[in-house]
């Protein structure tokens, strides 16, 4: 399938110049998904798409290249109280 598949033990031998990442997206949790989408839009983010509890928002207008963006996820886990 892949001609240059390496085991994890050889990953440290790979020079960083071989990496070719186009983007990295962070998942941001939202307890109230609709309210959170509106909040980020009010802060200047553009809603690219939204469906099934996931939304892509980016800073700036549609069509602008290389904008900061993130994935908003309808997901919430209440953290336990630490005594």
PDB file of N, CA and C in Angstrom:
ATOM      1  N   UNK A   1       0.818  -1.189   0.000  1.00  0.00           N
ATOM      2  CA  UNK A   1       0.000   0.000   0.000  1.00  0.00           C
ATOM      3  C   UNK A   1       0.869   1.264   0.000  1.00  0.00           C
ATOM      4  N   UNK A   2       1.715   1.427   1.028  1.00  0.00           N
ATOM      5  CA  UNK A   2       2.626   2.556   1.065  1.00  0.00           C
ATOM      6  C   UNK A   2       4.044   2.014   0.919  1.00  0.00           C
ATOM      7  N   UNK A   3       4.829   2.652   0.089  1.00  0.00           N
ATOM      8  CA  UNK A   3       6.170   2.148  -0.159  1.00  0.00           C
ATOM      9  C   UNK A   3       7.162   2.561   0.914  1.00  0.00           C
ATOM     10  N   UNK A   4       6.858   3.598   1.683  1.00  0.00           N
ATOM     11  CA  UNK A   4       7.808   4.085   2.675  1.00  0.00           C
ATOM     12  C   UNK A   4       7.180   4.120   4.069  1.00  0.00           C
ATOM     13  N   UNK A   5       6.521   3.039   4.451  1.00  0.00           N
ATOM     14  CA  UNK A   5       5.922   2.973   5.781  1.00  0.00           C
ATOM     15  C   UNK A   5       7.022   2.601   6.761  1.00  0.00           C
ATOM     16  N   UNK A   6       7.114   3.369   7.827  1.00  0.00           N
ATOM     17  CA  UNK A   6       8.162   3.128   8.817  1.00  0.00           C
ATOM     18  C   UNK A   6       7.530   2.807  10.157  1.00  0.00           C
ATOM     19  N   UNK A   7       8.219   2.037  10.927  1.00  0.00           N
ATOM     20  CA  UNK A   7       7.740   1.714  12.266  1.00  0.00           C
ATOM     21  C   UNK A   7       8.001   2.907  13.176  1.00  0.00           C
ATOM     22  N   UNK A   8       7.260   3.006  14.292  1.00  0.00           N
ATOM     23  CA  UNK A   8       7.461   4.138  15.211  1.00  0.00           C
ATOM     24  C   UNK A   8       8.898   4.283  15.689  1.00  0.00           C
ATOM     25  N   UNK A   9       9.640   3.188  15.779  1.00  0.00           N
ATOM     26  CA  UNK A   9      11.015   3.269  16.262  1.00  0.00           C
ATOM     27  C   UNK A   9      11.932   4.017  15.292  1.00  0.00           C
ATOM     28  N   UNK A  10      11.551   4.128  14.030  1.00  0.00           N
ATOM     29  CA  UNK A  10      12.397   4.840  13.054  1.00  0.00           C
ATOM     30  C   UNK A  10      11.907   6.253  12.777  1.00  0.00           C
ATOM     31  N   UNK A  11      10.819   6.691  13.397  1.00  0.00           N
ATOM     32  CA  UNK A  11      10.303   8.036  13.163  1.00  0.00           C
ATOM     33  C   UNK A  11      11.302   9.109  13.558  1.00  0.00           C
ATOM     34  N   UNK A  12      12.109   8.829  14.573  1.00  0.00           N
ATOM     35  CA  UNK A  12      13.081   9.825  15.022  1.00  0.00           C
ATOM     36  C   UNK A  12      14.173  10.041  13.990  1.00  0.00           C
ATOM     37  N   UNK A  13      14.325   9.113  13.050  1.00  0.00           N
ATOM     38  CA  UNK A  13      15.331   9.254  11.998  1.00  0.00           C
ATOM     39  C   UNK A  13      14.851  10.132  10.855  1.00  0.00           C
ATOM     40  N   UNK A  14      13.565  10.460  10.821  1.00  0.00           N
ATOM     41  CA  UNK A  14      13.015  11.246   9.721  1.00  0.00           C
ATOM     42  C   UNK A  14      13.319  12.729   9.930  1.00  0.00           C
ATOM     43  N   UNK A  15      13.938  13.377   8.954  1.00  0.00           N
ATOM     44  CA  UNK A  15      14.175  14.822   9.101  1.00  0.00           C
ATOM     45  C   UNK A  15      12.856  15.587   9.045  1.00  0.00           C
ATOM     46  N   UNK A  16      12.781  16.680   9.771  1.00  0.00           N
ATOM     47  CA  UNK A  16      11.564  17.483   9.815  1.00  0.00           C
ATOM     48  C   UNK A  16      11.219  18.055   8.441  1.00  0.00           C
ATOM     49  N   UNK A  17      12.181  18.166   7.555  1.00  0.00           N
ATOM     50  CA  UNK A  17      11.909  18.715   6.225  1.00  0.00           C
ATOM     51  C   UNK A  17      11.013  17.791   5.400  1.00  0.00           C
ATOM     52  N   UNK A  18      10.827  16.539   5.829  1.00  0.00           N
ATOM     53  CA  UNK A  18       9.948  15.608   5.110  1.00  0.00           C
ATOM     54  C   UNK A  18       8.475  15.853   5.426  1.00  0.00           C
ATOM     55  N   UNK A  19       8.191  16.658   6.442  1.00  0.00           N
ATOM     56  CA  UNK A  19       6.804  16.940   6.811  1.00  0.00           C
ATOM     57  C   UNK A  19       6.226  17.972   5.850  1.00  0.00           C
ATOM     58  N   UNK A  20       4.993  17.746   5.457  1.00  0.00           N
ATOM     59  CA  UNK A  20       4.356  18.660   4.514  1.00  0.00           C
ATOM     60  C   UNK A  20       2.918  18.909   4.955  1.00  0.00           C
ATOM     61  N   UNK A  21       2.751  19.477   6.143  1.00  0.00           N
ATOM     62  CA  UNK A  21       1.424  19.736   6.683  1.00  0.00           C
ATOM     63  C   UNK A  21       0.828  20.978   6.031  1.00  0.00           C
ATOM     64  N   UNK A  22      -0.434  20.877   5.671  1.00  0.00           N
ATOM     65  CA  UNK A  22      -1.132  22.019   5.093  1.00  0.00           C
ATOM     66  C   UNK A  22      -1.851  22.824   6.157  1.00  0.00           C
ATOM     67  N   UNK A  23      -2.398  22.126   7.158  1.00  0.00           N
ATOM     68  CA  UNK A  23      -3.100  22.819   8.228  1.00  0.00           C
ATOM     69  C   UNK A  23      -3.260  21.888   9.412  1.00  0.00           C
ATOM     70  N   UNK A  24      -3.553  22.475  10.529  1.00  0.00           N
ATOM     71  CA  UNK A  24      -3.803  21.745  11.760  1.00  0.00           C
ATOM     72  C   UNK A  24      -5.054  22.346  12.372  1.00  0.00           C
ATOM     73  N   UNK A  25      -6.054  21.524  12.640  1.00  0.00           N
ATOM     74  CA  UNK A  25      -7.327  22.009  13.178  1.00  0.00           C
ATOM     75  C   UNK A  25      -7.481  21.562  14.632  1.00  0.00           C
ATOM     76  N   UNK A  26      -7.907  22.478  15.450  1.00  0.00           N
ATOM     77  CA  UNK A  26      -8.210  22.171  16.840  1.00  0.00           C
ATOM     78  C   UNK A  26      -9.709  21.948  16.981  1.00  0.00           C
ATOM     79  N   UNK A  27     -10.087  20.989  17.809  1.00  0.00           N
ATOM     80  CA  UNK A  27     -11.485  20.765  18.154  1.00  0.00           C
ATOM     81  C   UNK A  27     -11.779  21.559  19.419  1.00  0.00           C
ATOM     82  N   UNK A  28     -12.786  22.400  19.354  1.00  0.00           N
ATOM     83  CA  UNK A  28     -13.194  23.215  20.498  1.00  0.00           C
ATOM     84  C   UNK A  28     -14.547  22.694  20.978  1.00  0.00           C
ATOM     85  N   UNK A  29     -14.634  22.272  22.246  1.00  0.00           N
ATOM     86  CA  UNK A  29     -15.905  21.736  22.737  1.00  0.00           C
ATOM     87  C   UNK A  29     -16.928  22.835  22.998  1.00  0.00           C
ATOM     88  N   UNK A  30     -18.204  22.467  22.872  1.00  0.00           N
ATOM     89  CA  UNK A  30     -19.292  23.418  23.114  1.00  0.00           C
ATOM     90  C   UNK A  30     -20.410  22.724  23.867  1.00  0.00           C
ATOM     91  N   UNK A  31     -20.758  23.263  25.023  1.00  0.00           N
ATOM     92  CA  UNK A  31     -21.887  22.739  25.795  1.00  0.00           C
ATOM     93  C   UNK A  31     -23.199  23.124  25.111  1.00  0.00           C
ATOM     94  N   UNK A  32     -23.316  24.388  24.730  1.00  0.00           N
ATOM     95  CA  UNK A  32     -24.483  24.887  23.997  1.00  0.00           C
ATOM     96  C   UNK A  32     -24.006  25.215  22.583  1.00  0.00           C
ATOM     97  N   UNK A  33     -24.191  24.288  21.664  1.00  0.00           N
ATOM     98  CA  UNK A  33     -23.635  24.369  20.314  1.00  0.00           C
ATOM     99  C   UNK A  33     -24.115  25.609  19.557  1.00  0.00           C
ATOM    100  N   UNK A  34     -25.413  25.856  19.545  1.00  0.00           N
ATOM    101  CA  UNK A  34     -25.955  27.004  18.802  1.00  0.00           C
ATOM    102  C   UNK A  34     -25.464  28.324  19.386  1.00  0.00           C
ATOM    103  N   UNK A  35     -25.458  28.442  20.704  1.00  0.00           N
ATOM    104  CA  UNK A  35     -24.979  29.660  21.354  1.00  0.00           C
ATOM    105  C   UNK A  35     -23.494  29.870  21.064  1.00  0.00           C
ATOM    106  N   UNK A  36     -22.718  28.798  21.086  1.00  0.00           N
ATOM    107  CA  UNK A  36     -21.278  28.898  20.815  1.00  0.00           C
ATOM    108  C   UNK A  36     -21.015  29.317  19.372  1.00  0.00           C
ATOM    109  N   UNK A  37     -21.765  28.759  18.421  1.00  0.00           N
ATOM    110  CA  UNK A  37     -21.596  29.175  17.024  1.00  0.00           C
ATOM    111  C   UNK A  37     -21.862  30.665  16.882  1.00  0.00           C
ATOM    112  N   UNK A  38     -22.913  31.160  17.505  1.00  0.00           N
ATOM    113  CA  UNK A  38     -23.238  32.579  17.424  1.00  0.00           C
ATOM    114  C   UNK A  38     -22.171  33.438  18.089  1.00  0.00           C
ATOM    115  N   UNK A  39     -21.664  32.979  19.223  1.00  0.00           N
ATOM    116  CA  UNK A  39     -20.600  33.705  19.933  1.00  0.00           C
ATOM    117  C   UNK A  39     -19.388  33.916  19.031  1.00  0.00           C
ATOM    118  N   UNK A  40     -18.915  32.854  18.404  1.00  0.00           N
ATOM    119  CA  UNK A  40     -17.726  32.972  17.552  1.00  0.00           C
ATOM    120  C   UNK A  40     -17.994  33.816  16.306  1.00  0.00           C
ATOM    121  N   UNK A  41     -19.201  33.758  15.781  1.00  0.00           N
ATOM    122  CA  UNK A  41     -19.543  34.622  14.650  1.00  0.00           C
ATOM    123  C   UNK A  41     -19.558  36.088  15.088  1.00  0.00           C
ATOM    124  N   UNK A  42     -20.075  36.338  16.283  1.00  0.00           N
ATOM    125  CA  UNK A  42     -20.076  37.704  16.816  1.00  0.00           C
ATOM    126  C   UNK A  42     -18.652  38.215  17.048  1.00  0.00           C
ATOM    127  N   UNK A  43     -17.710  37.287  17.286  1.00  0.00           N
ATOM    128  CA  UNK A  43     -16.305  37.641  17.501  1.00  0.00           C
ATOM    129  C   UNK A  43     -15.551  37.846  16.186  1.00  0.00           C
ATOM    130  N   UNK A  44     -16.218  37.633  15.046  1.00  0.00           N
ATOM    131  CA  UNK A  44     -15.590  37.885  13.755  1.00  0.00           C
ATOM    132  C   UNK A  44     -15.258  36.657  12.940  1.00  0.00           C
ATOM    133  N   UNK A  45     -15.606  35.480  13.434  1.00  0.00           N
ATOM    134  CA  UNK A  45     -15.366  34.253  12.681  1.00  0.00           C
ATOM    135  C   UNK A  45     -16.501  34.029  11.685  1.00  0.00           C
ATOM    136  N   UNK A  46     -16.193  33.407  10.566  1.00  0.00           N
ATOM    137  CA  UNK A  46     -17.173  33.072   9.543  1.00  0.00           C
ATOM    138  C   UNK A  46     -17.509  31.589   9.661  1.00  0.00           C
ATOM    139  N   UNK A  47     -18.790  31.277   9.636  1.00  0.00           N
ATOM    140  CA  UNK A  47     -19.233  29.887   9.678  1.00  0.00           C
ATOM    141  C   UNK A  47     -19.169  29.322   8.268  1.00  0.00           C
ATOM    142  N   UNK A  48     -18.287  28.356   8.050  1.00  0.00           N
ATOM    143  CA  UNK A  48     -18.134  27.742   6.718  1.00  0.00           C
ATOM    144  C   UNK A  48     -19.192  26.681   6.490  1.00  0.00           C
ATOM    145  N   UNK A  49     -19.360  25.802   7.479  1.00  0.00           N
ATOM    146  CA  UNK A  49     -20.392  24.772   7.407  1.00  0.00           C
ATOM    147  C   UNK A  49     -20.693  24.284   8.811  1.00  0.00           C
ATOM    148  N   UNK A  50     -21.865  23.691   8.950  1.00  0.00           N
ATOM    149  CA  UNK A  50     -22.289  23.149  10.235  1.00  0.00           C
ATOM    150  C   UNK A  50     -23.280  22.018   9.986  1.00  0.00           C
ATOM    151  N   UNK A  51     -22.994  20.856  10.576  1.00  0.00           N
ATOM    152  CA  UNK A  51     -23.931  19.729  10.505  1.00  0.00           C
ATOM    153  C   UNK A  51     -23.551  18.680  11.533  1.00  0.00           C
ATOM    154  N   UNK A  52     -24.547  17.967  12.007  1.00  0.00           N
ATOM    155  CA  UNK A  52     -24.353  16.845  12.941  1.00  0.00           C
ATOM    156  C   UNK A  52     -23.457  17.181  14.132  1.00  0.00           C
ATOM    157  N   UNK A  53     -23.636  18.356  14.712  1.00  0.00           N
ATOM    158  CA  UNK A  53     -22.896  18.708  15.917  1.00  0.00           C
ATOM    159  C   UNK A  53     -21.451  19.093  15.677  1.00  0.00           C
ATOM    160  N   UNK A  54     -21.112  19.470  14.460  1.00  0.00           N
ATOM    161  CA  UNK A  54     -19.759  19.894  14.127  1.00  0.00           C
ATOM    162  C   UNK A  54     -19.863  21.118  13.222  1.00  0.00           C
ATOM    163  N   UNK A  55     -18.975  22.080  13.428  1.00  0.00           N
ATOM    164  CA  UNK A  55     -18.980  23.287  12.605  1.00  0.00           C
ATOM    165  C   UNK A  55     -17.544  23.732  12.353  1.00  0.00           C
ATOM    166  N   UNK A  56     -17.302  24.232  11.153  1.00  0.00           N
ATOM    167  CA  UNK A  56     -16.000  24.799  10.812  1.00  0.00           C
ATOM    168  C   UNK A  56     -16.151  26.310  10.771  1.00  0.00           C
ATOM    169  N   UNK A  57     -15.349  26.990  11.565  1.00  0.00           N
ATOM    170  CA  UNK A  57     -15.352  28.450  11.586  1.00  0.00           C
ATOM    171  C   UNK A  57     -13.949  28.942  11.284  1.00  0.00           C
ATOM    172  N   UNK A  58     -13.858  30.043  10.536  1.00  0.00           N
ATOM    173  CA  UNK A  58     -12.543  30.628  10.277  1.00  0.00           C
ATOM    174  C   UNK A  58     -12.610  32.129  10.416  1.00  0.00           C
ATOM    175  N   UNK A  59     -11.470  32.717  10.668  1.00  0.00           N
ATOM    176  CA  UNK A  59     -11.365  34.154  10.849  1.00  0.00           C
ATOM    177  C   UNK A  59     -11.293  34.823   9.486  1.00  0.00           C
ATOM    178  N   UNK A  60     -12.159  35.775   9.256  1.00  0.00           N
ATOM    179  CA  UNK A  60     -12.171  36.496   7.982  1.00  0.00           C
ATOM    180  C   UNK A  60     -13.304  36.032   7.084  1.00  0.00           C
ATOM    181  N   UNK A  61     -13.397  36.667   5.929  1.00  0.00           N
ATOM    182  CA  UNK A  61     -14.462  36.380   4.976  1.00  0.00           C
ATOM    183  C   UNK A  61     -14.160  35.135   4.162  1.00  0.00           C
ATOM    184  N   UNK A  62     -15.213  34.577   3.544  1.00  0.00           N
ATOM    185  CA  UNK A  62     -15.032  33.457   2.624  1.00  0.00           C
ATOM    186  C   UNK A  62     -14.137  33.884   1.468  1.00  0.00           C
ATOM    187  N   UNK A  63     -13.314  32.989   1.005  1.00  0.00           N
ATOM    188  CA  UNK A  63     -12.461  33.283  -0.138  1.00  0.00           C
ATOM    189  C   UNK A  63     -11.085  33.794   0.226  1.00  0.00           C
ATOM    190  N   UNK A  64     -10.889  34.217   1.460  1.00  0.00           N
ATOM    191  CA  UNK A  64      -9.563  34.661   1.881  1.00  0.00           C
ATOM    192  C   UNK A  64      -8.682  33.434   2.114  1.00  0.00           C
ATOM    193  N   UNK A  65      -7.455  33.508   1.688  1.00  0.00           N
ATOM    194  CA  UNK A  65      -6.538  32.371   1.842  1.00  0.00           C
ATOM    195  C   UNK A  65      -5.869  32.382   3.213  1.00  0.00           C
ATOM    196  N   UNK A  66      -5.549  31.210   3.684  1.00  0.00           N
ATOM    197  CA  UNK A  66      -4.746  31.007   4.896  1.00  0.00           C
ATOM    198  C   UNK A  66      -5.340  31.673   6.140  1.00  0.00           C
ATOM    199  N   UNK A  67      -6.594  31.398   6.427  1.00  0.00           N
ATOM    200  CA  UNK A  67      -7.194  31.967   7.617  1.00  0.00           C
ATOM    201  C   UNK A  67      -7.104  30.976   8.780  1.00  0.00           C
ATOM    202  N   UNK A  68      -7.028  31.517   9.979  1.00  0.00           N
ATOM    203  CA  UNK A  68      -7.055  30.685  11.170  1.00  0.00           C
ATOM    204  C   UNK A  68      -8.451  30.086  11.296  1.00  0.00           C
ATOM    205  N   UNK A  69      -8.520  28.806  11.612  1.00  0.00           N
ATOM    206  CA  UNK A  69      -9.824  28.158  11.708  1.00  0.00           C
ATOM    207  C   UNK A  69      -9.800  27.071  12.769  1.00  0.00           C
ATOM    208  N   UNK A  70     -10.990  26.629  13.154  1.00  0.00           N
ATOM    209  CA  UNK A  70     -11.117  25.550  14.133  1.00  0.00           C
ATOM    210  C   UNK A  70     -12.438  24.830  13.910  1.00  0.00           C
ATOM    211  N   UNK A  71     -12.542  23.662  14.505  1.00  0.00           N
ATOM    212  CA  UNK A  71     -13.766  22.866  14.451  1.00  0.00           C
ATOM    213  C   UNK A  71     -14.472  22.963  15.800  1.00  0.00           C
ATOM    214  N   UNK A  72     -15.681  23.463  15.776  1.00  0.00           N
ATOM    215  CA  UNK A  72     -16.503  23.534  16.973  1.00  0.00           C
ATOM    216  C   UNK A  72     -17.306  22.242  17.052  1.00  0.00           C
ATOM    217  N   UNK A  73     -17.259  21.610  18.211  1.00  0.00           N
ATOM    218  CA  UNK A  73     -17.901  20.302  18.367  1.00  0.00           C
ATOM    219  C   UNK A  73     -18.918  20.363  19.504  1.00  0.00           C
ATOM    220  N   UNK A  74     -20.132  19.871  19.230  1.00  0.00           N
ATOM    221  CA  UNK A  74     -21.157  19.799  20.261  1.00  0.00           C
ATOM    222  C   UNK A  74     -20.803  18.658  21.205  1.00  0.00           C
ATOM    223  N   UNK A  75     -19.957  18.982  22.164  1.00  0.00           N
ATOM    224  CA  UNK A  75     -19.408  17.985  23.083  1.00  0.00           C
ATOM    225  C   UNK A  75     -19.073  18.688  24.381  1.00  0.00           C
ATOM    226  N   UNK A  76     -19.463  18.078  25.483  1.00  0.00           N
ATOM    227  CA  UNK A  76     -19.187  18.676  26.784  1.00  0.00           C
ATOM    228  C   UNK A  76     -19.073  17.577  27.822  1.00  0.00           C
ATOM    229  N   UNK A  77     -18.027  17.651  28.606  1.00  0.00           N
ATOM    230  CA  UNK A  77     -17.852  16.725  29.727  1.00  0.00           C
ATOM    231  C   UNK A  77     -17.567  17.601  30.951  1.00  0.00           C
ATOM    232  N   UNK A  78     -18.440  17.470  31.926  1.00  0.00           N
ATOM    233  CA  UNK A  78     -18.262  18.241  33.150  1.00  0.00           C
ATOM    234  C   UNK A  78     -17.070  17.681  33.908  1.00  0.00           C
ATOM    235  N   UNK A  79     -16.136  18.579  34.227  1.00  0.00           N
ATOM    236  CA  UNK A  79     -14.950  18.146  34.955  1.00  0.00           C
ATOM    237  C   UNK A  79     -15.312  17.913  36.417  1.00  0.00           C
ATOM    238  N   UNK A  80     -14.727  16.883  37.021  1.00  0.00           N
ATOM    239  CA  UNK A  80     -15.031  16.603  38.428  1.00  0.00           C
ATOM    240  C   UNK A  80     -14.473  17.698  39.335  1.00  0.00           C
ATOM    241  N   UNK A  81     -15.160  17.934  40.435  1.00  0.00           N
ATOM    242  CA  UNK A  81     -14.672  18.917  41.411  1.00  0.00           C
ATOM    243  C   UNK A  81     -13.476  18.332  42.137  1.00  0.00           C
ATOM    244  N   UNK A  82     -12.459  19.160  42.304  1.00  0.00           N
ATOM    245  CA  UNK A  82     -11.267  18.737  43.036  1.00  0.00           C
ATOM    246  C   UNK A  82     -11.342  19.360  44.420  1.00  0.00           C
ATOM    247  N   UNK A  83     -11.268  18.513  45.443  1.00  0.00           N
ATOM    248  CA  UNK A  83     -11.362  19.023  46.813  1.00  0.00           C
ATOM    249  C   UNK A  83     -10.018  19.253  47.406  1.00  0.00           C
TER     250      UNK A  83
END
